[in-house]
Amino acid sequence: MIKTGFKLNGRSVRPGQLGRELKNAMTKQLEDSVKKTVSQTVSQVRCRTHGQVARVTFHGRALSDMKFDVSGCCDDLVQEVRQRLGRR
């Protein structure tokens, strides 16, 4: 008899759980990538009046229902960040 085992991100994974764990790992990687891209975009925008940067808050339990809110010192900053992110 041959024993097989899988490791994903340094953790042992049972063969029956491999599909779920792969999906979770891919979702996490994509989520991190989206957050990094948004963060880089937002950090490049400063309020022309107050010199502040906007804040982006992510909500959701999975990538399929991930949403984000933009807040800032004034409506002009929030609007500019939303435009850069392609969200009106």
PDB file of N, CA and C in Angstrom:
ATOM      1  N   MET A   1       0.849  -1.180   0.000  1.00  0.00           N
ATOM      2  CA  MET A   1       0.000   0.000   0.000  1.00  0.00           C
ATOM      3  C   MET A   1       0.894   1.242   0.000  1.00  0.00           C
ATOM      4  N   ILE A   2       0.522   2.200  -0.799  1.00  0.00           N
ATOM      5  CA  ILE A   2       1.276   3.448  -0.901  1.00  0.00           C
ATOM      6  C   ILE A   2       0.469   4.550  -0.231  1.00  0.00           C
ATOM      7  N   LYS A   3       1.132   5.281   0.647  1.00  0.00           N
ATOM      8  CA  LYS A   3       0.481   6.429   1.278  1.00  0.00           C
ATOM      9  C   LYS A   3       0.860   7.677   0.499  1.00  0.00           C
ATOM     10  N   THR A   4      -0.124   8.485   0.223  1.00  0.00           N
ATOM     11  CA  THR A   4       0.131   9.743  -0.461  1.00  0.00           C
ATOM     12  C   THR A   4      -0.243  10.884   0.464  1.00  0.00           C
ATOM     13  N   GLY A   5       0.358  11.989   0.256  1.00  0.00           N
ATOM     14  CA  GLY A   5       0.045  13.165   1.056  1.00  0.00           C
ATOM     15  C   GLY A   5       0.256  14.412   0.224  1.00  0.00           C
ATOM     16  N   PHE A   6      -0.414  15.443   0.595  1.00  0.00           N
ATOM     17  CA  PHE A   6      -0.312  16.716  -0.110  1.00  0.00           C
ATOM     18  C   PHE A   6       0.007  17.804   0.895  1.00  0.00           C
ATOM     19  N   LYS A   7       0.822  18.748   0.447  1.00  0.00           N
ATOM     20  CA  LYS A   7       1.101  19.934   1.254  1.00  0.00           C
ATOM     21  C   LYS A   7       0.740  21.142   0.412  1.00  0.00           C
ATOM     22  N   LEU A   8       0.042  22.048   1.025  1.00  0.00           N
ATOM     23  CA  LEU A   8      -0.374  23.275   0.359  1.00  0.00           C
ATOM     24  C   LEU A   8      -0.057  24.427   1.296  1.00  0.00           C
ATOM     25  N   ASN A   9       0.766  25.341   0.821  1.00  0.00           N
ATOM     26  CA  ASN A   9       1.217  26.462   1.661  1.00  0.00           C
ATOM     27  C   ASN A   9       1.838  25.966   2.958  1.00  0.00           C
ATOM     28  N   GLY A  10       2.578  24.858   2.869  1.00  0.00           N
ATOM     29  CA  GLY A  10       3.273  24.321   4.031  1.00  0.00           C
ATOM     30  C   GLY A  10       2.408  23.512   4.982  1.00  0.00           C
ATOM     31  N   ARG A  11       1.142  23.327   4.658  1.00  0.00           N
ATOM     32  CA  ARG A  11       0.240  22.556   5.524  1.00  0.00           C
ATOM     33  C   ARG A  11      -0.121  21.248   4.851  1.00  0.00           C
ATOM     34  N   SER A  12      -0.230  20.220   5.661  1.00  0.00           N
ATOM     35  CA  SER A  12      -0.685  18.924   5.146  1.00  0.00           C
ATOM     36  C   SER A  12      -2.175  18.986   4.845  1.00  0.00           C
ATOM     37  N   VAL A  13      -2.541  18.421   3.708  1.00  0.00           N
ATOM     38  CA  VAL A  13      -3.944  18.432   3.275  1.00  0.00           C
ATOM     39  C   VAL A  13      -4.326  17.011   2.896  1.00  0.00           C
ATOM     40  N   ARG A  14      -5.451  16.575   3.366  1.00  0.00           N
ATOM     41  CA  ARG A  14      -5.965  15.244   3.012  1.00  0.00           C
ATOM     42  C   ARG A  14      -6.427  15.254   1.562  1.00  0.00           C
ATOM     43  N   PRO A  15      -6.254  14.137   0.863  1.00  0.00           N
ATOM     44  CA  PRO A  15      -6.658  14.090  -0.545  1.00  0.00           C
ATOM     45  C   PRO A  15      -8.111  14.511  -0.782  1.00  0.00           C
ATOM     46  N   GLY A  16      -9.010  14.142   0.106  1.00  0.00           N
ATOM     47  CA  GLY A  16     -10.418  14.507  -0.053  1.00  0.00           C
ATOM     48  C   GLY A  16     -10.699  15.980   0.133  1.00  0.00           C
ATOM     49  N   GLN A  17      -9.750  16.706   0.717  1.00  0.00           N
ATOM     50  CA  GLN A  17      -9.928  18.139   0.964  1.00  0.00           C
ATOM     51  C   GLN A  17      -9.109  18.997   0.002  1.00  0.00           C
ATOM     52  N   LEU A  18      -8.380  18.354  -0.904  1.00  0.00           N
ATOM     53  CA  LEU A  18      -7.477  19.074  -1.787  1.00  0.00           C
ATOM     54  C   LEU A  18      -8.199  20.116  -2.641  1.00  0.00           C
ATOM     55  N   GLY A  19      -9.317  19.746  -3.236  1.00  0.00           N
ATOM     56  CA  GLY A  19     -10.070  20.680  -4.081  1.00  0.00           C
ATOM     57  C   GLY A  19     -10.490  21.924  -3.323  1.00  0.00           C
ATOM     58  N   ARG A  20     -11.049  21.723  -2.149  1.00  0.00           N
ATOM     59  CA  ARG A  20     -11.504  22.854  -1.333  1.00  0.00           C
ATOM     60  C   ARG A  20     -10.331  23.735  -0.913  1.00  0.00           C
ATOM     61  N   GLU A  21      -9.239  23.096  -0.504  1.00  0.00           N
ATOM     62  CA  GLU A  21      -8.069  23.854  -0.053  1.00  0.00           C
ATOM     63  C   GLU A  21      -7.413  24.627  -1.189  1.00  0.00           C
ATOM     64  N   LEU A  22      -7.380  24.029  -2.386  1.00  0.00           N
ATOM     65  CA  LEU A  22      -6.847  24.744  -3.551  1.00  0.00           C
ATOM     66  C   LEU A  22      -7.705  25.962  -3.876  1.00  0.00           C
ATOM     67  N   LYS A  23      -9.008  25.773  -3.832  1.00  0.00           N
ATOM     68  CA  LYS A  23      -9.919  26.886  -4.099  1.00  0.00           C
ATOM     69  C   LYS A  23      -9.716  27.991  -3.077  1.00  0.00           C
ATOM     70  N   ASN A  24      -9.593  27.640  -1.799  1.00  0.00           N
ATOM     71  CA  ASN A  24      -9.368  28.631  -0.750  1.00  0.00           C
ATOM     72  C   ASN A  24      -8.051  29.371  -0.952  1.00  0.00           C
ATOM     73  N   ALA A  25      -7.005  28.639  -1.327  1.00  0.00           N
ATOM     74  CA  ALA A  25      -5.695  29.257  -1.544  1.00  0.00           C
ATOM     75  C   ALA A  25      -5.724  30.209  -2.737  1.00  0.00           C
ATOM     76  N   MET A  26      -6.384  29.808  -3.809  1.00  0.00           N
ATOM     77  CA  MET A  26      -6.474  30.677  -4.984  1.00  0.00           C
ATOM     78  C   MET A  26      -7.303  31.910  -4.684  1.00  0.00           C
ATOM     79  N   THR A  27      -8.392  31.737  -3.952  1.00  0.00           N
ATOM     80  CA  THR A  27      -9.234  32.862  -3.570  1.00  0.00           C
ATOM     81  C   THR A  27      -8.449  33.850  -2.721  1.00  0.00           C
ATOM     82  N   LYS A  28      -7.699  33.343  -1.756  1.00  0.00           N
ATOM     83  CA  LYS A  28      -6.900  34.201  -0.885  1.00  0.00           C
ATOM     84  C   LYS A  28      -5.845  34.962  -1.685  1.00  0.00           C
ATOM     85  N   GLN A  29      -5.183  34.287  -2.618  1.00  0.00           N
ATOM     86  CA  GLN A  29      -4.159  34.937  -3.427  1.00  0.00           C
ATOM     87  C   GLN A  29      -4.769  36.027  -4.303  1.00  0.00           C
ATOM     88  N   LEU A  30      -5.909  35.759  -4.908  1.00  0.00           N
ATOM     89  CA  LEU A  30      -6.572  36.746  -5.743  1.00  0.00           C
ATOM     90  C   LEU A  30      -7.046  37.928  -4.900  1.00  0.00           C
ATOM     91  N   GLU A  31      -7.601  37.630  -3.741  1.00  0.00           N
ATOM     92  CA  GLU A  31      -8.063  38.658  -2.812  1.00  0.00           C
ATOM     93  C   GLU A  31      -6.905  39.578  -2.415  1.00  0.00           C
ATOM     94  N   ASP A  32      -5.768  38.991  -2.057  1.00  0.00           N
ATOM     95  CA  ASP A  32      -4.591  39.775  -1.674  1.00  0.00           C
ATOM     96  C   ASP A  32      -4.108  40.645  -2.828  1.00  0.00           C
ATOM     97  N   SER A  33      -4.152  40.103  -4.037  1.00  0.00           N
ATOM     98  CA  SER A  33      -3.727  40.842  -5.215  1.00  0.00           C
ATOM     99  C   SER A  33      -4.635  42.050  -5.471  1.00  0.00           C
ATOM    100  N   VAL A  34      -5.946  41.836  -5.360  1.00  0.00           N
ATOM    101  CA  VAL A  34      -6.905  42.929  -5.559  1.00  0.00           C
ATOM    102  C   VAL A  34      -6.683  44.004  -4.492  1.00  0.00           C
ATOM    103  N   LYS A  35      -6.518  43.597  -3.245  1.00  0.00           N
ATOM    104  CA  LYS A  35      -6.301  44.559  -2.169  1.00  0.00           C
ATOM    105  C   LYS A  35      -5.023  45.355  -2.387  1.00  0.00           C
ATOM    106  N   LYS A  36      -3.971  44.695  -2.840  1.00  0.00           N
ATOM    107  CA  LYS A  36      -2.700  45.376  -3.084  1.00  0.00           C
ATOM    108  C   LYS A  36      -2.852  46.403  -4.203  1.00  0.00           C
ATOM    109  N   THR A  37      -3.518  46.016  -5.288  1.00  0.00           N
ATOM    110  CA  THR A  37      -3.725  46.917  -6.417  1.00  0.00           C
ATOM    111  C   THR A  37      -4.551  48.131  -5.998  1.00  0.00           C
ATOM    112  N   VAL A  38      -5.619  47.892  -5.253  1.00  0.00           N
ATOM    113  CA  VAL A  38      -6.462  48.991  -4.780  1.00  0.00           C
ATOM    114  C   VAL A  38      -5.663  49.895  -3.853  1.00  0.00           C
ATOM    115  N   SER A  39      -4.905  49.310  -2.953  1.00  0.00           N
ATOM    116  CA  SER A  39      -4.101  50.074  -2.005  1.00  0.00           C
ATOM    117  C   SER A  39      -3.096  50.964  -2.731  1.00  0.00           C
ATOM    118  N   GLN A  40      -2.436  50.421  -3.753  1.00  0.00           N
ATOM    119  CA  GLN A  40      -1.465  51.208  -4.511  1.00  0.00           C
ATOM    120  C   GLN A  40      -2.147  52.363  -5.234  1.00  0.00           C
ATOM    121  N   THR A  41      -3.313  52.112  -5.798  1.00  0.00           N
ATOM    122  CA  THR A  41      -4.049  53.170  -6.493  1.00  0.00           C
ATOM    123  C   THR A  41      -4.476  54.258  -5.528  1.00  0.00           C
ATOM    124  N   VAL A  42      -5.018  53.859  -4.380  1.00  0.00           N
ATOM    125  CA  VAL A  42      -5.525  54.818  -3.400  1.00  0.00           C
ATOM    126  C   VAL A  42      -4.387  55.645  -2.808  1.00  0.00           C
ATOM    127  N   SER A  43      -3.255  55.033  -2.555  1.00  0.00           N
ATOM    128  CA  SER A  43      -2.150  55.765  -1.926  1.00  0.00           C
ATOM    129  C   SER A  43      -1.577  56.840  -2.834  1.00  0.00           C
ATOM    130  N   GLN A  44      -1.858  56.773  -4.126  1.00  0.00           N
ATOM    131  CA  GLN A  44      -1.371  57.776  -5.070  1.00  0.00           C
ATOM    132  C   GLN A  44      -2.265  59.013  -5.120  1.00  0.00           C
ATOM    133  N   VAL A  45      -3.422  58.957  -4.480  1.00  0.00           N
ATOM    134  CA  VAL A  45      -4.376  60.067  -4.532  1.00  0.00           C
ATOM    135  C   VAL A  45      -4.409  60.777  -3.185  1.00  0.00           C
ATOM    136  N   ARG A  46      -4.115  62.065  -3.205  1.00  0.00           N
ATOM    137  CA  ARG A  46      -4.212  62.887  -1.992  1.00  0.00           C
ATOM    138  C   ARG A  46      -5.233  63.981  -2.227  1.00  0.00           C
ATOM    139  N   CYS A  47      -5.936  64.332  -1.165  1.00  0.00           N
ATOM    140  CA  CYS A  47      -6.913  65.412  -1.244  1.00  0.00           C
ATOM    141  C   CYS A  47      -6.183  66.715  -1.555  1.00  0.00           C
ATOM    142  N   ARG A  48      -6.660  67.416  -2.551  1.00  0.00           N
ATOM    143  CA  ARG A  48      -6.036  68.688  -2.946  1.00  0.00           C
ATOM    144  C   ARG A  48      -6.240  69.775  -1.899  1.00  0.00           C
ATOM    145  N   THR A  49      -7.279  69.656  -1.105  1.00  0.00           N
ATOM    146  CA  THR A  49      -7.575  70.663  -0.091  1.00  0.00           C
ATOM    147  C   THR A  49      -6.951  70.328   1.252  1.00  0.00           C
ATOM    148  N   HIS A  50      -7.069  69.070   1.676  1.00  0.00           N
ATOM    149  CA  HIS A  50      -6.667  68.680   3.029  1.00  0.00           C
ATOM    150  C   HIS A  50      -5.374  67.868   3.111  1.00  0.00           C
ATOM    151  N   GLY A  51      -4.855  67.396   1.967  1.00  0.00           N
ATOM    152  CA  GLY A  51      -3.618  66.622   1.955  1.00  0.00           C
ATOM    153  C   GLY A  51      -3.741  65.210   2.491  1.00  0.00           C
ATOM    154  N   GLN A  52      -4.944  64.733   2.693  1.00  0.00           N
ATOM    155  CA  GLN A  52      -5.187  63.400   3.257  1.00  0.00           C
ATOM    156  C   GLN A  52      -5.323  62.356   2.151  1.00  0.00           C
ATOM    157  N   VAL A  53      -5.160  61.090   2.533  1.00  0.00           N
ATOM    158  CA  VAL A  53      -5.434  59.983   1.607  1.00  0.00           C
ATOM    159  C   VAL A  53      -6.754  59.335   2.017  1.00  0.00           C
ATOM    160  N   ALA A  54      -7.357  58.650   1.081  1.00  0.00           N
ATOM    161  CA  ALA A  54      -8.639  57.983   1.340  1.00  0.00           C
ATOM    162  C   ALA A  54      -8.396  56.666   2.072  1.00  0.00           C
ATOM    163  N   ARG A  55      -9.462  56.103   2.574  1.00  0.00           N
ATOM    164  CA  ARG A  55      -9.421  54.802   3.240  1.00  0.00           C
ATOM    165  C   ARG A  55     -10.376  53.871   2.501  1.00  0.00           C
ATOM    166  N   VAL A  56      -9.904  52.659   2.252  1.00  0.00           N
ATOM    167  CA  VAL A  56     -10.728  51.656   1.583  1.00  0.00           C
ATOM    168  C   VAL A  56     -10.946  50.519   2.569  1.00  0.00           C
ATOM    169  N   THR A  57     -12.200  50.149   2.774  1.00  0.00           N
ATOM    170  CA  THR A  57     -12.562  49.066   3.679  1.00  0.00           C
ATOM    171  C   THR A  57     -13.227  47.966   2.867  1.00  0.00           C
ATOM    172  N   PHE A  58     -12.716  46.747   3.013  1.00  0.00           N
ATOM    173  CA  PHE A  58     -13.262  45.592   2.301  1.00  0.00           C
ATOM    174  C   PHE A  58     -14.249  44.852   3.195  1.00  0.00           C
ATOM    175  N   HIS A  59     -15.336  44.343   2.569  1.00  0.00           N
ATOM    176  CA  HIS A  59     -16.355  43.574   3.277  1.00  0.00           C
ATOM    177  C   HIS A  59     -16.667  42.327   2.464  1.00  0.00           C
ATOM    178  N   GLY A  60     -16.898  41.237   3.131  1.00  0.00           N
ATOM    179  CA  GLY A  60     -17.309  40.019   2.448  1.00  0.00           C
ATOM    180  C   GLY A  60     -16.602  38.808   3.006  1.00  0.00           C
ATOM    181  N   ARG A  61     -17.231  37.665   2.860  1.00  0.00           N
ATOM    182  CA  ARG A  61     -16.657  36.417   3.369  1.00  0.00           C
ATOM    183  C   ARG A  61     -15.938  35.636   2.283  1.00  0.00           C
ATOM    184  N   ALA A  62     -16.226  35.958   1.033  1.00  0.00           N
ATOM    185  CA  ALA A  62     -15.607  35.251  -0.089  1.00  0.00           C
ATOM    186  C   ALA A  62     -15.422  36.249  -1.228  1.00  0.00           C
ATOM    187  N   LEU A  63     -14.580  35.887  -2.168  1.00  0.00           N
ATOM    188  CA  LEU A  63     -14.308  36.768  -3.287  1.00  0.00           C
ATOM    189  C   LEU A  63     -15.578  37.082  -4.071  1.00  0.00           C
ATOM    190  N   SER A  64     -16.488  36.136  -4.135  1.00  0.00           N
ATOM    191  CA  SER A  64     -17.717  36.320  -4.911  1.00  0.00           C
ATOM    192  C   SER A  64     -18.620  37.399  -4.328  1.00  0.00           C
ATOM    193  N   ASP A  65     -18.515  37.679  -3.033  1.00  0.00           N
ATOM    194  CA  ASP A  65     -19.354  38.733  -2.451  1.00  0.00           C
ATOM    195  C   ASP A  65     -18.508  39.870  -1.862  1.00  0.00           C
ATOM    196  N   MET A  66     -17.250  39.982  -2.311  1.00  0.00           N
ATOM    197  CA  MET A  66     -16.358  41.018  -1.811  1.00  0.00           C
ATOM    198  C   MET A  66     -16.794  42.385  -2.325  1.00  0.00           C
ATOM    199  N   LYS A  67     -16.919  43.313  -1.427  1.00  0.00           N
ATOM    200  CA  LYS A  67     -17.277  44.685  -1.760  1.00  0.00           C
ATOM    201  C   LYS A  67     -16.339  45.597  -0.986  1.00  0.00           C
ATOM    202  N   PHE A  68     -16.241  46.832  -1.422  1.00  0.00           N
ATOM    203  CA  PHE A  68     -15.422  47.760  -0.674  1.00  0.00           C
ATOM    204  C   PHE A  68     -16.080  49.129  -0.633  1.00  0.00           C
ATOM    205  N   ASP A  69     -15.759  49.864   0.417  1.00  0.00           N
ATOM    206  CA  ASP A  69     -16.242  51.224   0.596  1.00  0.00           C
ATOM    207  C   ASP A  69     -15.046  52.158   0.608  1.00  0.00           C
ATOM    208  N   VAL A  70     -15.244  53.352   0.065  1.00  0.00           N
ATOM    209  CA  VAL A  70     -14.206  54.372   0.074  1.00  0.00           C
ATOM    210  C   VAL A  70     -14.677  55.496   0.985  1.00  0.00           C
ATOM    211  N   SER A  71     -13.797  55.917   1.891  1.00  0.00           N
ATOM    212  CA  SER A  71     -14.115  57.066   2.746  1.00  0.00           C
ATOM    213  C   SER A  71     -12.915  57.998   2.751  1.00  0.00           C
ATOM    214  N   GLY A  72     -13.159  59.232   3.085  1.00  0.00           N
ATOM    215  CA  GLY A  72     -12.073  60.208   3.096  1.00  0.00           C
ATOM    216  C   GLY A  72     -12.502  61.488   3.785  1.00  0.00           C
ATOM    217  N   CYS A  73     -11.608  62.460   3.753  1.00  0.00           N
ATOM    218  CA  CYS A  73     -11.844  63.711   4.465  1.00  0.00           C
ATOM    219  C   CYS A  73     -12.950  64.548   3.827  1.00  0.00           C
ATOM    220  N   CYS A  74     -13.199  64.344   2.532  1.00  0.00           N
ATOM    221  CA  CYS A  74     -14.253  65.112   1.867  1.00  0.00           C
ATOM    222  C   CYS A  74     -14.780  64.339   0.657  1.00  0.00           C
ATOM    223  N   ASP A  75     -15.913  64.788   0.141  1.00  0.00           N
ATOM    224  CA  ASP A  75     -16.552  64.115  -0.993  1.00  0.00           C
ATOM    225  C   ASP A  75     -15.692  64.160  -2.256  1.00  0.00           C
ATOM    226  N   ASP A  76     -14.933  65.251  -2.444  1.00  0.00           N
ATOM    227  CA  ASP A  76     -14.087  65.353  -3.637  1.00  0.00           C
ATOM    228  C   ASP A  76     -13.043  64.235  -3.666  1.00  0.00           C
ATOM    229  N   LEU A  77     -12.415  63.955  -2.530  1.00  0.00           N
ATOM    230  CA  LEU A  77     -11.420  62.891  -2.457  1.00  0.00           C
ATOM    231  C   LEU A  77     -12.062  61.531  -2.733  1.00  0.00           C
ATOM    232  N   VAL A  78     -13.186  61.272  -2.110  1.00  0.00           N
ATOM    233  CA  VAL A  78     -13.876  59.989  -2.298  1.00  0.00           C
ATOM    234  C   VAL A  78     -14.245  59.813  -3.771  1.00  0.00           C
ATOM    235  N   GLN A  79     -14.749  60.858  -4.393  1.00  0.00           N
ATOM    236  CA  GLN A  79     -15.144  60.789  -5.806  1.00  0.00           C
ATOM    237  C   GLN A  79     -13.937  60.525  -6.705  1.00  0.00           C
ATOM    238  N   GLU A  80     -12.818  61.182  -6.442  1.00  0.00           N
ATOM    239  CA  GLU A  80     -11.625  60.974  -7.265  1.00  0.00           C
ATOM    240  C   GLU A  80     -11.107  59.538  -7.144  1.00  0.00           C
ATOM    241  N   VAL A  81     -11.089  59.008  -5.926  1.00  0.00           N
ATOM    242  CA  VAL A  81     -10.633  57.631  -5.731  1.00  0.00           C
ATOM    243  C   VAL A  81     -11.578  56.665  -6.431  1.00  0.00           C
ATOM    244  N   ARG A  82     -12.852  56.862  -6.302  1.00  0.00           N
ATOM    245  CA  ARG A  82     -13.819  55.982  -6.972  1.00  0.00           C
ATOM    246  C   ARG A  82     -13.638  56.004  -8.484  1.00  0.00           C
ATOM    247  N   GLN A  83     -13.375  57.191  -9.039  1.00  0.00           N
ATOM    248  CA  GLN A  83     -13.148  57.293 -10.481  1.00  0.00           C
ATOM    249  C   GLN A  83     -11.903  56.518 -10.893  1.00  0.00           C
ATOM    250  N   ARG A  84     -10.838  56.626 -10.120  1.00  0.00           N
ATOM    251  CA  ARG A  84      -9.606  55.910 -10.437  1.00  0.00           C
ATOM    252  C   ARG A  84      -9.784  54.400 -10.337  1.00  0.00           C
ATOM    253  N   LEU A  85     -10.644  53.992  -9.458  1.00  0.00           N
ATOM    254  CA  LEU A  85     -10.912  52.567  -9.287  1.00  0.00           C
ATOM    255  C   LEU A  85     -11.982  52.071 -10.267  1.00  0.00           C
ATOM    256  N   GLY A  86     -12.542  52.990 -11.054  1.00  0.00           N
ATOM    257  CA  GLY A  86     -13.553  52.601 -12.028  1.00  0.00           C
ATOM    258  C   GLY A  86     -14.907  52.364 -11.417  1.00  0.00           C
ATOM    259  N   ARG A  87     -15.150  52.979 -10.273  1.00  0.00           N
ATOM    260  CA  ARG A  87     -16.421  52.790  -9.571  1.00  0.00           C
ATOM    261  C   ARG A  87     -17.031  54.142  -9.298  1.00  0.00           C
ATOM    262  N   ARG A  88     -18.215  54.355  -9.743  1.00  0.00           N
ATOM    263  CA  ARG A  88     -18.867  55.672  -9.596  1.00  0.00           C
ATOM    264  C   ARG A  88     -19.697  55.755  -8.358  1.00  0.00           C
TER     265      ARG A  88
END
